[in-house]
Amino acid sequence: MDEQGIAFLRQLMSEIEGAPSPGVIKDKLYSIWYEHAQKVAQETLEYLNTTIPDHGREDDGPIDFE
């Protein structure tokens, strides 16, 4: 994966981790998705931090996807 792809992946996982908690959105399917998404996002960020610890952290701002 190239540098931009890794930066996008890191940003995506950060956005998923910031999703509203199920207490805010009263929907059973959302609650199930939220639990799975949080687990995968945390595992992915841990993997990226272990494999490529400094990549994608040059600037602290969000990525412009356009």
PDB file of N, CA and C in Angstrom:
ATOM      1  N   MET A   1       0.855  -1.165   0.000  1.00  0.00           N
ATOM      2  CA  MET A   1       0.000   0.000   0.000  1.00  0.00           C
ATOM      3  C   MET A   1       0.906   1.234   0.000  1.00  0.00           C
ATOM      4  N   ASP A   2       0.531   2.237  -0.780  1.00  0.00           N
ATOM      5  CA  ASP A   2       1.345   3.446  -0.839  1.00  0.00           C
ATOM      6  C   ASP A   2       1.053   4.355   0.356  1.00  0.00           C
ATOM      7  N   GLU A   3       1.817   5.433   0.452  1.00  0.00           N
ATOM      8  CA  GLU A   3       1.710   6.344   1.599  1.00  0.00           C
ATOM      9  C   GLU A   3       0.313   6.936   1.746  1.00  0.00           C
ATOM     10  N   GLN A   4      -0.299   7.333   0.634  1.00  0.00           N
ATOM     11  CA  GLN A   4      -1.624   7.938   0.703  1.00  0.00           C
ATOM     12  C   GLN A   4      -2.650   6.906   1.169  1.00  0.00           C
ATOM     13  N   GLY A   5      -2.546   5.673   0.709  1.00  0.00           N
ATOM     14  CA  GLY A   5      -3.469   4.620   1.132  1.00  0.00           C
ATOM     15  C   GLY A   5      -3.384   4.355   2.624  1.00  0.00           C
ATOM     16  N   ILE A   6      -2.176   4.322   3.156  1.00  0.00           N
ATOM     17  CA  ILE A   6      -1.997   4.096   4.592  1.00  0.00           C
ATOM     18  C   ILE A   6      -2.567   5.273   5.384  1.00  0.00           C
ATOM     19  N   ALA A   7      -2.351   6.487   4.897  1.00  0.00           N
ATOM     20  CA  ALA A   7      -2.900   7.670   5.570  1.00  0.00           C
ATOM     21  C   ALA A   7      -4.429   7.637   5.549  1.00  0.00           C
ATOM     22  N   PHE A   8      -5.013   7.253   4.417  1.00  0.00           N
ATOM     23  CA  PHE A   8      -6.471   7.132   4.326  1.00  0.00           C
ATOM     24  C   PHE A   8      -6.990   6.088   5.301  1.00  0.00           C
ATOM     25  N   LEU A   9      -6.328   4.944   5.364  1.00  0.00           N
ATOM     26  CA  LEU A   9      -6.753   3.871   6.262  1.00  0.00           C
ATOM     27  C   LEU A   9      -6.680   4.320   7.717  1.00  0.00           C
ATOM     28  N   ARG A  10      -5.600   4.995   8.081  1.00  0.00           N
ATOM     29  CA  ARG A  10      -5.454   5.486   9.452  1.00  0.00           C
ATOM     30  C   ARG A  10      -6.563   6.498   9.774  1.00  0.00           C
ATOM     31  N   GLN A  11      -6.876   7.391   8.834  1.00  0.00           N
ATOM     32  CA  GLN A  11      -7.937   8.388   9.037  1.00  0.00           C
ATOM     33  C   GLN A  11      -9.297   7.706   9.158  1.00  0.00           C
ATOM     34  N   LEU A  12      -9.556   6.703   8.305  1.00  0.00           N
ATOM     35  CA  LEU A  12     -10.827   5.977   8.347  1.00  0.00           C
ATOM     36  C   LEU A  12     -11.023   5.302   9.700  1.00  0.00           C
ATOM     37  N   MET A  13     -10.001   4.648  10.194  1.00  0.00           N
ATOM     38  CA  MET A  13     -10.116   3.969  11.477  1.00  0.00           C
ATOM     39  C   MET A  13     -10.345   4.974  12.605  1.00  0.00           C
ATOM     40  N   SER A  14      -9.716   6.130  12.523  1.00  0.00           N
ATOM     41  CA  SER A  14      -9.934   7.167  13.530  1.00  0.00           C
ATOM     42  C   SER A  14     -11.371   7.677  13.488  1.00  0.00           C
ATOM     43  N   GLU A  15     -11.916   7.832  12.271  1.00  0.00           N
ATOM     44  CA  GLU A  15     -13.298   8.292  12.134  1.00  0.00           C
ATOM     45  C   GLU A  15     -14.275   7.257  12.687  1.00  0.00           C
ATOM     46  N   ILE A  16     -14.028   5.987  12.423  1.00  0.00           N
ATOM     47  CA  ILE A  16     -14.908   4.933  12.934  1.00  0.00           C
ATOM     48  C   ILE A  16     -14.862   4.904  14.454  1.00  0.00           C
ATOM     49  N   GLU A  17     -13.680   5.075  15.011  1.00  0.00           N
ATOM     50  CA  GLU A  17     -13.573   5.094  16.476  1.00  0.00           C
ATOM     51  C   GLU A  17     -14.370   6.249  17.074  1.00  0.00           C
ATOM     52  N   GLY A  18     -14.559   7.309  16.315  1.00  0.00           N
ATOM     53  CA  GLY A  18     -15.299   8.471  16.802  1.00  0.00           C
ATOM     54  C   GLY A  18     -16.796   8.427  16.517  1.00  0.00           C
ATOM     55  N   ALA A  19     -17.300   7.301  16.013  1.00  0.00           N
ATOM     56  CA  ALA A  19     -18.738   7.184  15.710  1.00  0.00           C
ATOM     57  C   ALA A  19     -19.553   7.342  16.994  1.00  0.00           C
ATOM     58  N   PRO A  20     -20.766   7.889  16.886  1.00  0.00           N
ATOM     59  CA  PRO A  20     -21.620   8.053  18.071  1.00  0.00           C
ATOM     60  C   PRO A  20     -21.884   6.702  18.745  1.00  0.00           C
ATOM     61  N   SER A  21     -21.870   6.700  20.052  1.00  0.00           N
ATOM     62  CA  SER A  21     -22.106   5.456  20.789  1.00  0.00           C
ATOM     63  C   SER A  21     -23.557   5.013  20.645  1.00  0.00           C
ATOM     64  N   PRO A  22     -23.820   3.712  20.819  1.00  0.00           N
ATOM     65  CA  PRO A  22     -25.198   3.212  20.699  1.00  0.00           C
ATOM     66  C   PRO A  22     -26.163   3.873  21.672  1.00  0.00           C
ATOM     67  N   GLY A  23     -25.675   4.460  22.750  1.00  0.00           N
ATOM     68  CA  GLY A  23     -26.552   5.159  23.678  1.00  0.00           C
ATOM     69  C   GLY A  23     -27.178   6.398  23.066  1.00  0.00           C
ATOM     70  N   VAL A  24     -26.530   6.939  22.029  1.00  0.00           N
ATOM     71  CA  VAL A  24     -27.024   8.131  21.354  1.00  0.00           C
ATOM     72  C   VAL A  24     -28.025   7.760  20.263  1.00  0.00           C
ATOM     73  N   ILE A  25     -27.754   6.651  19.582  1.00  0.00           N
ATOM     74  CA  ILE A  25     -28.623   6.182  18.499  1.00  0.00           C
ATOM     75  C   ILE A  25     -29.264   4.879  18.953  1.00  0.00           C
ATOM     76  N   LYS A  26     -30.552   4.904  19.171  1.00  0.00           N
ATOM     77  CA  LYS A  26     -31.269   3.737  19.703  1.00  0.00           C
ATOM     78  C   LYS A  26     -31.680   2.804  18.556  1.00  0.00           C
ATOM     79  N   ASP A  27     -30.774   1.972  18.121  1.00  0.00           N
ATOM     80  CA  ASP A  27     -31.030   1.043  17.027  1.00  0.00           C
ATOM     81  C   ASP A  27     -30.204  -0.212  17.267  1.00  0.00           C
ATOM     82  N   LYS A  28     -30.853  -1.357  17.323  1.00  0.00           N
ATOM     83  CA  LYS A  28     -30.168  -2.620  17.628  1.00  0.00           C
ATOM     84  C   LYS A  28     -29.093  -2.940  16.595  1.00  0.00           C
ATOM     85  N   LEU A  29     -29.405  -2.766  15.301  1.00  0.00           N
ATOM     86  CA  LEU A  29     -28.413  -3.049  14.265  1.00  0.00           C
ATOM     87  C   LEU A  29     -27.210  -2.113  14.383  1.00  0.00           C
ATOM     88  N   TYR A  30     -27.477  -0.848  14.707  1.00  0.00           N
ATOM     89  CA  TYR A  30     -26.371   0.093  14.895  1.00  0.00           C
ATOM     90  C   TYR A  30     -25.500  -0.353  16.052  1.00  0.00           C
ATOM     91  N   SER A  31     -26.103  -0.820  17.132  1.00  0.00           N
ATOM     92  CA  SER A  31     -25.342  -1.287  18.295  1.00  0.00           C
ATOM     93  C   SER A  31     -24.430  -2.449  17.932  1.00  0.00           C
ATOM     94  N   ILE A  32     -24.957  -3.379  17.136  1.00  0.00           N
ATOM     95  CA  ILE A  32     -24.156  -4.530  16.708  1.00  0.00           C
ATOM     96  C   ILE A  32     -23.014  -4.062  15.814  1.00  0.00           C
ATOM     97  N   TRP A  33     -23.325  -3.195  14.834  1.00  0.00           N
ATOM     98  CA  TRP A  33     -22.284  -2.673  13.949  1.00  0.00           C
ATOM     99  C   TRP A  33     -21.222  -1.936  14.750  1.00  0.00           C
ATOM    100  N   TYR A  34     -21.666  -1.106  15.675  1.00  0.00           N
ATOM    101  CA  TYR A  34     -20.756  -0.280  16.466  1.00  0.00           C
ATOM    102  C   TYR A  34     -19.726  -1.142  17.197  1.00  0.00           C
ATOM    103  N   GLU A  35     -20.184  -2.200  17.843  1.00  0.00           N
ATOM    104  CA  GLU A  35     -19.261  -3.073  18.579  1.00  0.00           C
ATOM    105  C   GLU A  35     -18.216  -3.678  17.655  1.00  0.00           C
ATOM    106  N   HIS A  36     -18.661  -4.182  16.505  1.00  0.00           N
ATOM    107  CA  HIS A  36     -17.726  -4.788  15.552  1.00  0.00           C
ATOM    108  C   HIS A  36     -16.786  -3.743  14.949  1.00  0.00           C
ATOM    109  N   ALA A  37     -17.336  -2.606  14.576  1.00  0.00           N
ATOM    110  CA  ALA A  37     -16.528  -1.551  13.953  1.00  0.00           C
ATOM    111  C   ALA A  37     -15.470  -1.027  14.919  1.00  0.00           C
ATOM    112  N   GLN A  38     -15.838  -0.835  16.187  1.00  0.00           N
ATOM    113  CA  GLN A  38     -14.880  -0.351  17.177  1.00  0.00           C
ATOM    114  C   GLN A  38     -13.741  -1.345  17.359  1.00  0.00           C
ATOM    115  N   LYS A  39     -14.064  -2.623  17.422  1.00  0.00           N
ATOM    116  CA  LYS A  39     -13.046  -3.661  17.611  1.00  0.00           C
ATOM    117  C   LYS A  39     -12.081  -3.681  16.426  1.00  0.00           C
ATOM    118  N   VAL A  40     -12.618  -3.676  15.211  1.00  0.00           N
ATOM    119  CA  VAL A  40     -11.773  -3.707  14.017  1.00  0.00           C
ATOM    120  C   VAL A  40     -10.951  -2.429  13.894  1.00  0.00           C
ATOM    121  N   ALA A  41     -11.545  -1.285  14.191  1.00  0.00           N
ATOM    122  CA  ALA A  41     -10.813  -0.020  14.121  1.00  0.00           C
ATOM    123  C   ALA A  41      -9.640  -0.020  15.093  1.00  0.00           C
ATOM    124  N   GLN A  42      -9.858  -0.478  16.306  1.00  0.00           N
ATOM    125  CA  GLN A  42      -8.781  -0.531  17.291  1.00  0.00           C
ATOM    126  C   GLN A  42      -7.684  -1.501  16.860  1.00  0.00           C
ATOM    127  N   GLU A  43      -8.068  -2.672  16.359  1.00  0.00           N
ATOM    128  CA  GLU A  43      -7.081  -3.655  15.908  1.00  0.00           C
ATOM    129  C   GLU A  43      -6.277  -3.124  14.718  1.00  0.00           C
ATOM    130  N   THR A  44      -6.965  -2.434  13.796  1.00  0.00           N
ATOM    131  CA  THR A  44      -6.284  -1.883  12.626  1.00  0.00           C
ATOM    132  C   THR A  44      -5.303  -0.796  13.022  1.00  0.00           C
ATOM    133  N   LEU A  45      -5.718   0.116  13.900  1.00  0.00           N
ATOM    134  CA  LEU A  45      -4.800   1.168  14.346  1.00  0.00           C
ATOM    135  C   LEU A  45      -3.617   0.587  15.106  1.00  0.00           C
ATOM    136  N   GLU A  46      -3.842  -0.420  15.932  1.00  0.00           N
ATOM    137  CA  GLU A  46      -2.736  -1.077  16.637  1.00  0.00           C
ATOM    138  C   GLU A  46      -1.769  -1.704  15.636  1.00  0.00           C
ATOM    139  N   TYR A  47      -2.305  -2.356  14.613  1.00  0.00           N
ATOM    140  CA  TYR A  47      -1.468  -2.966  13.575  1.00  0.00           C
ATOM    141  C   TYR A  47      -0.652  -1.894  12.851  1.00  0.00           C
ATOM    142  N   LEU A  48      -1.322  -0.814  12.431  1.00  0.00           N
ATOM    143  CA  LEU A  48      -0.600   0.256  11.741  1.00  0.00           C
ATOM    144  C   LEU A  48       0.450   0.887  12.634  1.00  0.00           C
ATOM    145  N   ASN A  49       0.134   1.093  13.900  1.00  0.00           N
ATOM    146  CA  ASN A  49       1.087   1.704  14.825  1.00  0.00           C
ATOM    147  C   ASN A  49       2.291   0.798  15.065  1.00  0.00           C
ATOM    148  N   THR A  50       2.084  -0.507  15.021  1.00  0.00           N
ATOM    149  CA  THR A  50       3.174  -1.455  15.210  1.00  0.00           C
ATOM    150  C   THR A  50       4.004  -1.600  13.941  1.00  0.00           C
ATOM    151  N   THR A  51       3.315  -1.704  12.807  1.00  0.00           N
ATOM    152  CA  THR A  51       3.974  -1.955  11.532  1.00  0.00           C
ATOM    153  C   THR A  51       4.633  -0.707  10.959  1.00  0.00           C
ATOM    154  N   ILE A  52       3.910   0.405  10.994  1.00  0.00           N
ATOM    155  CA  ILE A  52       4.390   1.668  10.414  1.00  0.00           C
ATOM    156  C   ILE A  52       4.106   2.775  11.429  1.00  0.00           C
ATOM    157  N   PRO A  53       4.860   2.848  12.512  1.00  0.00           N
ATOM    158  CA  PRO A  53       4.502   3.726  13.625  1.00  0.00           C
ATOM    159  C   PRO A  53       4.409   5.218  13.312  1.00  0.00           C
ATOM    160  N   ASP A  54       5.236   5.743  12.434  1.00  0.00           N
ATOM    161  CA  ASP A  54       5.244   7.186  12.199  1.00  0.00           C
ATOM    162  C   ASP A  54       4.538   7.595  10.922  1.00  0.00           C
ATOM    163  N   HIS A  55       4.083   6.659  10.139  1.00  0.00           N
ATOM    164  CA  HIS A  55       3.482   6.983   8.843  1.00  0.00           C
ATOM    165  C   HIS A  55       2.126   7.638   9.012  1.00  0.00           C
ATOM    166  N   GLY A  56       1.879   8.662   8.214  1.00  0.00           N
ATOM    167  CA  GLY A  56       0.574   9.317   8.209  1.00  0.00           C
ATOM    168  C   GLY A  56       0.355  10.264   9.361  1.00  0.00           C
ATOM    169  N   ARG A  57       1.396  10.563  10.113  1.00  0.00           N
ATOM    170  CA  ARG A  57       1.245  11.453  11.265  1.00  0.00           C
ATOM    171  C   ARG A  57       2.018  12.755  11.081  1.00  0.00           C
ATOM    172  N   GLU A  58       2.451  13.015   9.864  1.00  0.00           N
ATOM    173  CA  GLU A  58       3.238  14.222   9.616  1.00  0.00           C
ATOM    174  C   GLU A  58       2.439  15.479   9.921  1.00  0.00           C
ATOM    175  N   ASP A  59       1.157  15.475   9.534  1.00  0.00           N
ATOM    176  CA  ASP A  59       0.300  16.606   9.886  1.00  0.00           C
ATOM    177  C   ASP A  59      -0.861  16.067  10.706  1.00  0.00           C
ATOM    178  N   ASP A  60      -1.312  16.851  11.639  1.00  0.00           N
ATOM    179  CA  ASP A  60      -2.350  16.390  12.544  1.00  0.00           C
ATOM    180  C   ASP A  60      -3.753  16.669  12.032  1.00  0.00           C
ATOM    181  N   GLY A  61      -3.873  17.295  10.876  1.00  0.00           N
ATOM    182  CA  GLY A  61      -5.191  17.636  10.347  1.00  0.00           C
ATOM    183  C   GLY A  61      -5.822  16.477   9.610  1.00  0.00           C
ATOM    184  N   PRO A  62      -7.133  16.594   9.353  1.00  0.00           N
ATOM    185  CA  PRO A  62      -7.825  15.542   8.611  1.00  0.00           C
ATOM    186  C   PRO A  62      -7.352  15.506   7.156  1.00  0.00           C
ATOM    187  N   ILE A  63      -7.539  14.381   6.524  1.00  0.00           N
ATOM    188  CA  ILE A  63      -7.133  14.200   5.135  1.00  0.00           C
ATOM    189  C   ILE A  63      -8.222  14.755   4.228  1.00  0.00           C
ATOM    190  N   ASP A  64      -7.816  15.465   3.186  1.00  0.00           N
ATOM    191  CA  ASP A  64      -8.757  15.953   2.182  1.00  0.00           C
ATOM    192  C   ASP A  64      -8.924  14.861   1.141  1.00  0.00           C
ATOM    193  N   PHE A  65     -10.098  14.248   1.075  1.00  0.00           N
ATOM    194  CA  PHE A  65     -10.342  13.122   0.189  1.00  0.00           C
ATOM    195  C   PHE A  65     -10.652  13.538  -1.236  1.00  0.00           C
ATOM    196  N   GLU A  66     -10.732  14.832  -1.515  1.00  0.00           N
ATOM    197  CA  GLU A  66     -11.047  15.290  -2.869  1.00  0.00           C
ATOM    198  C   GLU A  66      -9.819  15.645  -3.638  1.00  0.00           C
TER     199      GLU A  66
END
